[in-house]
Amino acid sequence: MAEVIEMPRLSDTMTEGVIAKWLKKVGDTVKPGELLAEIETDKATMEFESPVGGVLLYIGVPEGKPIPVGEVIAIIGKAGEDITPLLSKVQEKEAASTTSSVPTPAVSSKATSSPSSTIAVSTEADGERLKASPLARAMAREKGIDLREVAGTGEGGRIIRRDIEAHLAQRIAKHPSAATPALSYTDQPLTQMRKTIARRLTASMQEAPHFYLKISVGMDKVAEWRTHLNQLSDVKISFNDFILKAVALALRKHPLLNASWTGEAIRVFHEIHIGFAVAVEEGLIVPVLRHADRKGLSEIAKETQSLAERARQRKLAPEEYSGSTFSVSNLGMFGIEEFTAVINPPEAAILAVGAIQPVPVVREDGQISVERRMRLTLSCDHRVVDGATGAQFLQTLKQLLEEPERLLL
């Protein structure tokens, strides 16, 4: 008996997918576990294995078209098998879905027109010629105004210039866009990743009461330690690796930052899995550094480099971009001095990292020196984190980065 293959849910945030490429065509034999298609999700493009074996009898969605999770994408069965009953059910389901999602347009006995459309200037009304000055007629013709819609205030109800101007002002007040020249534009189709980013971060800003804490951190010692360690290690350690290690240790000391809001409780996680934002062409993806507090700097450097590279290639496995308990977004490499980040739900906080820059600093003895400093901004969900808790976390983080030998203990 033929089997219906539905669009699978390949990530915890996936609501629809796109067939990036069919690897089989109708009539091909398919073995269980054999690659059937490449599916673009909100996080990555993944290979999809056929759950059953047989002959591919039907392809229900073309390449490049979004389709919701659970909808039919293919039918596999025996060669020559009649799948008409299955196709009828599929078509009925699609028809019902289309009917319910498309509103029935209202029917009006009167024609309507947009304010920007051009309307022929009428000179007749109920068989009688409209009274209008030549200037008023010319203005009406230029602005696309139907003279039958204009009330004349001239002698005997004659339409004059001020009547056209008053009518035009009323039209602009009702439809401000009518006064704005048309702009040229290009609609860029939304990728699955961009749709998910928009949906999740909009929900985050609407549901989580954000507040922000900022701190400046001296990075001279981290720079010295980084130079020294990179002379000893084959894996090059970045400033971001130091930050991730310090964040992990600070989370161990302040577990309420390593938590989420469930609606019924504050869920404090026992493991520390840090997501770090990576820019890709379609938007952002957040690979996860698991058990970050248990790893050394070289191990963190090696793993983050591998994850970031595969993220840019859209080749991450689901477990590599899901399950984070805290996130870090670093725009320092782009020269951004300071910014605020939107919390990645359901996490309780996210750290925004700015550029490391030389700045003048007044020391305790009153002397001025130049130090390399970095600005950090912590975005917190106030349902989970209070101001004092967030401040204590940042103090610990600052201490760890300004005394980086603590990271090696």
Foldseek 3Di string as FASTA:
>chain_A
DKDFDWAADQAPLWFKKFFQFAPDDAFDWAAAQCFGTWIGALQFTHTDGHNHTAGWHDADDDGPDIDGTGQTGTMGDYPPDDCVVVVVVNVVVVVVVVVVVDDDDDDDPDDDDQQQDAAAADQDDPRHGAAEDPVLSVLCNVRRHHCVVWFADDVPRHNYDVRSVVVVVVNCVVPVCSPPDDDDDDDDDADNNNVSVVVQLVCLPVPFDKDKDKDKFFQPVVVVVQVVVCVVDPQRFDPVLLLLQLLQVLCVVQQLQLWFDDPVDIGGDPWAKEWEWAAEPNGIATFIDTNSNPDASRVSRVVVVVLNVCSNVSNDRNVGRDDHREYEYEPQVVQAQDDDDRDRPRHFKYKYKHHFDWDWDQDPVRDIDTTTMIMMMMMGRCVRDDPVSVVSSVVSSSVCSNVVVVSVD
